[in-house]
Every structure is written in structure tokens, then in C-alpha cells.
Amino acid sequence: MTATAIAAAAVGAPASAAGPAVDGEAAPCWQINRAGARPVNAEPEQNFTGSVKVEMLHTPAAPERASAGSVSFMPGARTAWHTHPLGQTLVVTAGVGRVQHDGGPVEEIYVGDVVHIPPHTRHWHGAAPDSAMTHIAITEAQDGKAVEWLEKVSDAQYAVAPAAVVLATVPQTQGQTLFGDIAPKFGHLTDEVLFGDVWSRPGLSPHDRSLITVSALIAMNRPDQLRGYLARARSNGLSDAELIEAMTHLAFYAGWPSTVTAIGVAREVFKTPHP
């Protein structure tokens, strides 16, 4: 992050009482810097093109030397060429951006992308022409200096078309597959809470959880849901014979019609070879 931004944030930083002494010096106290309490400052024109604002998230106090700031670029805005003595890491949190190191192609960056810039690497970064962009910048200072500013990025340099990006294909989760098109939040809860938490708890094995779930669905006569959970039960180690035995047992407790329906679903599911 820029030295200007670090200095500006330091002025508005919340005060903290000194903690217990460490090696004769007062240690800093734990801090919670609340959202909305931090100043947002415009970056200086000599080091940037277009409208750029920074919200300092953390300004280091010795012996710390790593700062963190959230930097927002309006469409077309960018830094000047610059280097960092100990490098920098950028984490894109909003919009679409562009970044380039000296001699390399212009590359587009997206939400969730992490860019690591090695020490003394001449580079620039900013927003795409038609999109704002915000990233968190994590920067270490060496001897109190975190950045060396160079000349501005020209319009011609900025206008170079970015290299094609091959995005990794992320397999869809079960919740996304089943509900993502119409109820994305429900799909998220299915993935993160139901399967990510409840099914992952160590108190019961996946084998036992499957047996319980299948039994409950049979008792409630839920054939649509049973179909998927029978497949899951087989993946979790339940044999076809065990599942049929469970259904036979449940006939005397959950009712004959429910079991007849469950056996019909099982006949369909069992056509697929056991995993």
C-alpha cells in the first residue's frame, strides 16, 4: 500500500492502551477496529490515474511491518508503475481488475483471485475499463518504506487487450445441482450446513447416519428424497442386503404401504452397480 495511505490511516487509527511490558517495552493491546470507523481517503493523483480510494484496515506498529488496505478503483482507474521492497499480495473482493508486471501480458483478475507480486517487481494494477474493482493489498515495509513509485501507466499501455483467462472448472456440489438454479441460498445451506456440518460431525459414522436418514424417509413415505439418500447410503458402505433388511424391519413399525413404496425405489436405485 502507498506510504501516503499508511500515514493517513495512522492519524485516524483508534487509540489503544499499552499492554504488559515485554523486554522492557509496552506491548500493544488487542484491538477490534470496527467497520465504518475507519477513514476512506482519496489516493494522490501523482501515483494514480482516475478515482482511487483506500480504507486502511491495518497500519503496523513496530516490530510489525505488514499493512493491509482495501483499495477501490473506479472503472479505468489504475496505479502508476511501482515496486515493493518486500513484495505485495492482492486479494480481489469486488468487480473486475487488471494487473501487469513489466514484460508480461495485461491480465484480468476477478473476485477471489489472489495476486502475489515478488519483491522489486515493476508492475501496476487497477480496474477494468467497464468495471470498478476493489482489492485488499497486504504489503510489508523495509526500513519504513513499502513502495517505490515510478511513471504513470499510459493510456496506450492500459488499452492493451488482456490475455485470455482459462478459469478452473469447479465441480458443482449436490446442493447447487439440485437447487442452485431456483433457490441458491437453500442450495448453500444444503451444502454448508446439512452436508458440510451435520453429516460431518464425528458422533456418528456416515454409515450410521445414512441408515438413520433412510429409515426416517421410509417412515415418512418420502420416495423422491429416498432415491438420492439410498444412493448416498450405498456410497457410505451400506450393502443392498442391509438396506432391504432395514426396509423389511420397518414394515412392522412404519407401515406396509410405506415399505412397499421404498422397495420400489430401491429396485430402481439398485440397477446401478454398487460403488
Protein backbone atom coordinates (compact mmCIF):
# COMPACT_ATOMS: atom_id res chain seq x y z
CA MET A 1 0.00 0.00 0.00
CA THR A 2 1.13 3.59 -0.52
CA ALA A 3 3.08 5.43 2.12
CA THR A 4 0.54 8.24 1.82
CA ALA A 5 -2.32 5.91 2.70
CA ILE A 6 -0.44 4.39 5.62
CA ALA A 7 0.32 7.80 7.06
CA ALA A 8 -3.25 8.99 6.58
CA ALA A 9 -4.66 5.92 8.26
CA ALA A 10 -2.28 6.24 11.18
CA VAL A 11 -3.75 9.64 12.02
CA GLY A 12 -7.26 8.19 12.30
CA ALA A 13 -6.28 4.91 13.94
CA PRO A 14 -8.08 4.08 17.20
CA ALA A 15 -6.02 4.57 20.33
CA SER A 16 -5.20 1.56 22.46
CA ALA A 17 -3.86 1.27 25.96
CA ALA A 18 -0.45 -0.27 26.41
CA GLY A 19 -0.37 -3.91 27.42
CA PRO A 20 2.06 -5.74 29.71
CA ALA A 21 5.70 -4.87 29.26
CA VAL A 22 7.74 -7.19 27.02
CA ASP A 23 11.54 -6.92 27.31
CA GLY A 24 11.14 -3.54 28.96
CA GLU A 25 8.75 -2.14 26.32
CA ALA A 26 4.96 -1.78 26.48
CA ALA A 27 3.25 -4.37 24.29
CA PRO A 28 0.31 -3.26 22.12
CA CYS A 29 -3.14 -4.35 23.24
CA TRP A 30 -5.67 -6.44 21.37
CA GLN A 31 -7.79 -4.26 19.06
CA ILE A 32 -11.07 -4.61 17.22
CA ASN A 33 -11.28 -1.95 14.53
CA ARG A 34 -14.99 -1.72 13.77
CA ALA A 35 -16.41 -1.45 10.27
CA GLY A 36 -17.48 2.09 9.49
CA ALA A 37 -15.00 3.61 11.94
CA ARG A 38 -12.07 3.73 9.50
CA PRO A 39 -11.47 6.76 7.26
CA VAL A 40 -11.58 6.39 3.48
CA ASN A 41 -9.08 8.61 1.65
CA ALA A 42 -8.57 9.51 -1.99
CA GLU A 43 -5.18 8.48 -3.37
CA PRO A 44 -2.85 11.19 -4.76
CA GLU A 45 -3.00 12.00 -8.49
CA GLN A 46 0.77 11.74 -8.95
CA ASN A 47 0.69 7.99 -8.26
CA PHE A 48 -2.69 7.05 -9.75
CA THR A 49 -4.88 7.60 -12.82
CA GLY A 50 -8.59 8.05 -12.19
CA SER A 51 -10.53 7.87 -8.94
CA VAL A 52 -8.95 5.58 -6.34
CA LYS A 53 -9.83 5.43 -2.65
CA VAL A 54 -8.23 3.45 0.18
CA GLU A 55 -9.54 2.30 3.53
CA MET A 56 -6.64 1.22 5.72
CA LEU A 57 -7.56 -1.99 7.52
CA HIS A 58 -4.34 -2.28 9.49
CA THR A 59 -1.40 0.07 9.98
CA PRO A 60 1.57 -1.67 11.57
CA ALA A 61 3.35 -0.60 14.73
CA ALA A 62 6.90 -1.80 15.33
CA PRO A 63 8.01 -4.55 15.34
CA GLU A 64 5.18 -5.33 12.88
CA ARG A 65 5.74 -4.20 9.32
CA ALA A 66 2.78 -5.56 7.30
CA SER A 67 -0.06 -3.20 6.40
CA ALA A 68 -3.44 -4.08 4.91
CA GLY A 69 -5.73 -1.78 2.99
CA SER A 70 -8.92 -2.07 0.95
CA VAL A 71 -8.38 -0.15 -2.30
CA SER A 72 -11.31 0.77 -4.56
CA PHE A 73 -10.75 1.72 -8.21
CA MET A 74 -13.43 3.28 -10.37
CA PRO A 75 -13.66 1.95 -13.98
CA GLY A 76 -10.44 2.74 -15.86
CA ALA A 77 -8.56 3.80 -12.72
CA ARG A 78 -5.15 2.28 -12.01
CA THR A 79 -1.89 2.73 -10.14
CA ALA A 80 1.30 4.06 -11.67
CA TRP A 81 4.12 1.63 -12.31
CA HIS A 82 5.74 0.78 -8.98
CA THR A 83 7.70 -1.79 -6.98
CA HIS A 84 7.66 -3.06 -3.39
CA PRO A 85 10.87 -3.88 -1.49
CA LEU A 86 9.32 -6.97 0.13
CA GLY A 87 6.56 -7.71 -2.37
CA GLN A 88 2.79 -7.40 -2.10
CA THR A 89 -0.30 -9.64 -2.12
CA LEU A 90 -3.62 -8.53 -3.60
CA VAL A 91 -6.96 -10.22 -2.87
CA VAL A 92 -9.77 -9.17 -5.22
CA THR A 93 -13.02 -8.64 -3.30
CA ALA A 94 -15.27 -6.91 -5.86
CA GLY A 95 -15.52 -6.20 -9.56
CA VAL A 96 -13.06 -6.94 -12.36
CA GLY A 97 -9.50 -5.64 -12.45
CA ARG A 98 -6.31 -5.71 -14.46
CA VAL A 99 -2.71 -6.28 -13.47
CA GLN A 100 0.59 -6.40 -15.34
CA HIS A 101 4.23 -6.92 -14.47
CA ASP A 102 6.97 -5.45 -16.61
CA GLY A 103 7.44 -7.56 -19.73
CA GLY A 104 4.32 -9.65 -19.08
CA PRO A 105 0.81 -9.53 -20.57
CA VAL A 106 -2.06 -7.50 -19.15
CA GLU A 107 -4.19 -9.96 -17.16
CA GLU A 108 -7.75 -9.66 -15.88
CA ILE A 109 -8.42 -10.50 -12.26
CA TYR A 110 -11.73 -11.45 -10.66
CA VAL A 111 -13.37 -11.75 -7.23
CA GLY A 112 -11.49 -14.34 -5.18
CA ASP A 113 -8.30 -14.14 -7.23
CA VAL A 114 -5.07 -13.65 -5.25
CA VAL A 115 -2.13 -11.93 -6.93
CA HIS A 116 1.34 -12.17 -5.37
CA ILE A 117 3.90 -9.64 -6.56
CA PRO A 118 7.51 -10.60 -5.74
CA PRO A 119 9.92 -8.01 -4.26
CA HIS A 120 11.28 -5.35 -6.64
CA THR A 121 8.92 -6.40 -9.46
CA ARG A 122 7.85 -3.44 -11.59
CA HIS A 123 4.07 -3.66 -12.06
CA TRP A 124 0.70 -1.87 -11.99
CA HIS A 125 -2.87 -2.84 -11.12
CA GLY A 126 -6.32 -1.28 -11.34
CA ALA A 127 -9.89 -1.66 -12.56
CA ALA A 128 -11.08 -2.85 -15.95
CA PRO A 129 -12.35 -0.14 -18.34
CA ASP A 130 -16.01 -1.08 -17.81
CA SER A 131 -15.96 -2.25 -14.18
CA ALA A 132 -14.96 -0.93 -10.80
CA MET A 133 -12.65 -3.14 -8.74
CA THR A 134 -11.75 -3.46 -5.07
CA HIS A 135 -8.87 -5.44 -3.69
CA ILE A 136 -7.20 -5.86 -0.32
CA ALA A 137 -3.49 -5.05 -0.51
CA ILE A 138 -1.13 -6.64 2.02
CA THR A 139 2.30 -5.01 1.98
CA GLU A 140 5.43 -5.22 4.12
CA ALA A 141 7.71 -2.24 4.65
CA GLN A 142 11.50 -2.40 4.67
CA ASP A 143 13.22 0.29 6.70
CA GLY A 144 9.91 2.13 6.83
CA LYS A 145 9.37 2.12 3.07
CA ALA A 146 6.69 -0.02 1.42
CA VAL A 147 6.59 1.26 -2.19
CA GLU A 148 8.76 2.91 -4.87
CA TRP A 149 6.62 4.91 -7.28
CA LEU A 150 7.61 5.19 -10.95
CA GLU A 151 6.00 6.74 -14.05
CA LYS A 152 2.28 6.56 -14.75
CA VAL A 153 0.71 3.85 -16.91
CA SER A 154 -0.07 5.46 -20.25
CA ASP A 155 -3.45 5.19 -21.94
CA ALA A 156 -1.82 3.10 -24.68
CA GLN A 157 -0.34 0.67 -22.15
CA TYR A 158 -3.66 0.39 -20.34
CA ALA A 159 -5.59 -0.14 -23.61
CA VAL A 160 -3.71 -3.34 -24.47
CA ALA A 161 -6.21 -6.22 -24.59
CA PRO A 162 -5.80 -8.60 -21.65
CA ALA A 163 -4.64 -12.17 -22.16
CA ALA A 164 -7.33 -14.83 -22.34
CA VAL A 165 -8.11 -16.32 -18.93
CA VAL A 166 -8.81 -20.04 -18.56
CA LEU A 167 -10.93 -20.33 -15.43
CA ALA A 168 -10.82 -23.55 -13.46
CA THR A 169 -13.98 -25.60 -13.64
CA VAL A 170 -15.32 -26.11 -10.13
CA PRO A 171 -17.48 -29.22 -9.76
CA GLN A 172 -20.99 -28.39 -8.66
CA THR A 173 -21.94 -29.52 -5.19
CA GLN A 174 -25.10 -31.52 -4.56
CA GLY A 175 -26.98 -28.52 -3.21
CA GLN A 176 -26.01 -26.39 -6.20
CA THR A 177 -27.00 -29.15 -8.60
CA LEU A 178 -30.40 -29.71 -7.01
CA PHE A 179 -31.43 -26.20 -6.04
CA GLY A 180 -28.89 -23.65 -7.33
CA ASP A 181 -30.92 -22.57 -10.34
CA ILE A 182 -34.03 -21.63 -8.36
CA ALA A 183 -33.05 -21.42 -4.66
CA PRO A 184 -29.31 -20.68 -4.38
CA LYS A 185 -29.46 -19.89 -0.66
CA PHE A 186 -31.22 -23.18 0.06
CA GLY A 187 -28.55 -24.91 -2.03
CA HIS A 188 -25.87 -23.17 0.02
CA LEU A 189 -27.48 -24.27 3.30
CA THR A 190 -27.75 -27.82 1.96
CA ASP A 191 -24.04 -27.87 1.14
CA GLU A 192 -22.61 -25.92 4.06
CA VAL A 193 -24.94 -26.81 6.95
CA LEU A 194 -26.54 -30.16 6.16
CA PHE A 195 -23.68 -31.96 4.41
CA GLY A 196 -20.83 -29.70 5.48
CA ASP A 197 -21.67 -29.74 9.21
CA VAL A 198 -24.40 -32.18 10.28
CA TRP A 199 -23.24 -35.09 8.10
CA SER A 200 -19.59 -34.41 9.00
CA ARG A 201 -19.97 -34.48 12.78
CA PRO A 202 -17.85 -37.25 14.37
CA GLY A 203 -20.54 -38.50 16.79
CA LEU A 204 -21.93 -40.94 14.21
CA SER A 205 -20.28 -42.61 11.23
CA PRO A 206 -21.56 -41.83 7.71
CA HIS A 207 -22.78 -45.46 7.58
CA ASP A 208 -24.98 -44.95 10.66
CA ARG A 209 -26.20 -41.52 9.57
CA SER A 210 -27.29 -43.00 6.24
CA LEU A 211 -29.17 -45.83 7.96
CA ILE A 212 -30.99 -43.33 10.21
CA THR A 213 -31.84 -41.00 7.34
CA VAL A 214 -33.08 -43.76 5.05
CA SER A 215 -35.23 -45.18 7.86
CA ALA A 216 -36.77 -41.76 8.56
CA LEU A 217 -37.58 -41.19 4.89
CA ILE A 218 -39.19 -44.63 4.61
CA ALA A 219 -41.27 -43.98 7.74
CA MET A 220 -42.44 -40.62 6.35
CA ASN A 221 -43.08 -42.16 2.90
CA ARG A 222 -40.83 -39.73 1.03
CA PRO A 223 -39.86 -41.63 -2.15
CA ASP A 224 -38.42 -38.62 -4.01
CA GLN A 225 -35.89 -37.88 -1.27
CA LEU A 226 -35.31 -41.58 -0.54
CA ARG A 227 -33.94 -42.18 -4.03
CA GLY A 228 -30.95 -39.89 -3.52
CA TYR A 229 -30.30 -40.99 0.05
CA LEU A 230 -30.30 -44.67 -0.92
CA ALA A 231 -27.51 -43.85 -3.38
CA ARG A 232 -25.67 -41.96 -0.65
CA ALA A 233 -26.15 -44.88 1.77
CA ARG A 234 -24.56 -47.27 -0.71
CA SER A 235 -21.62 -44.85 -1.09
CA ASN A 236 -21.32 -44.74 2.71
CA GLY A 237 -20.87 -48.50 2.96
CA LEU A 238 -24.37 -49.89 3.38
CA SER A 239 -24.90 -53.02 1.30
CA ASP A 240 -28.05 -53.61 -0.72
CA ALA A 241 -28.85 -56.53 1.57
CA GLU A 242 -28.63 -54.31 4.66
CA LEU A 243 -30.93 -51.74 3.12
CA ILE A 244 -33.55 -54.35 2.19
CA GLU A 245 -33.32 -55.84 5.70
CA ALA A 246 -33.91 -52.37 7.18
CA MET A 247 -36.98 -51.94 4.96
CA THR A 248 -38.36 -55.36 5.97
CA HIS A 249 -37.90 -54.47 9.63
CA LEU A 250 -39.55 -51.06 9.18
CA ALA A 251 -42.65 -52.60 7.60
CA PHE A 252 -43.83 -53.57 11.07
CA TYR A 253 -43.24 -50.09 12.54
CA ALA A 254 -43.59 -47.58 9.68
CA GLY A 255 -46.41 -49.37 7.84
CA TRP A 256 -46.70 -51.82 4.96
CA PRO A 257 -47.56 -49.26 2.24
CA SER A 258 -44.50 -47.12 3.06
CA THR A 259 -42.23 -50.13 2.79
CA VAL A 260 -43.79 -51.26 -0.49
CA THR A 261 -43.04 -47.79 -1.91
CA ALA A 262 -39.47 -47.90 -0.53
CA ILE A 263 -38.77 -51.30 -2.07
CA GLY A 264 -39.96 -49.98 -5.43
CA VAL A 265 -37.49 -47.09 -5.16
CA ALA A 266 -34.73 -49.49 -4.09
CA ARG A 267 -35.36 -51.71 -7.14
CA GLU A 268 -34.71 -48.66 -9.34
CA VAL A 269 -31.61 -47.48 -7.42
CA PHE A 270 -30.08 -50.97 -7.20
CA LYS A 271 -29.97 -51.25 -11.00
CA THR A 272 -26.79 -49.18 -10.77
CA PRO A 273 -23.81 -51.32 -9.71
CA HIS A 274 -22.86 -50.92 -6.05
CA PRO A 275 -19.97 -48.44 -5.68
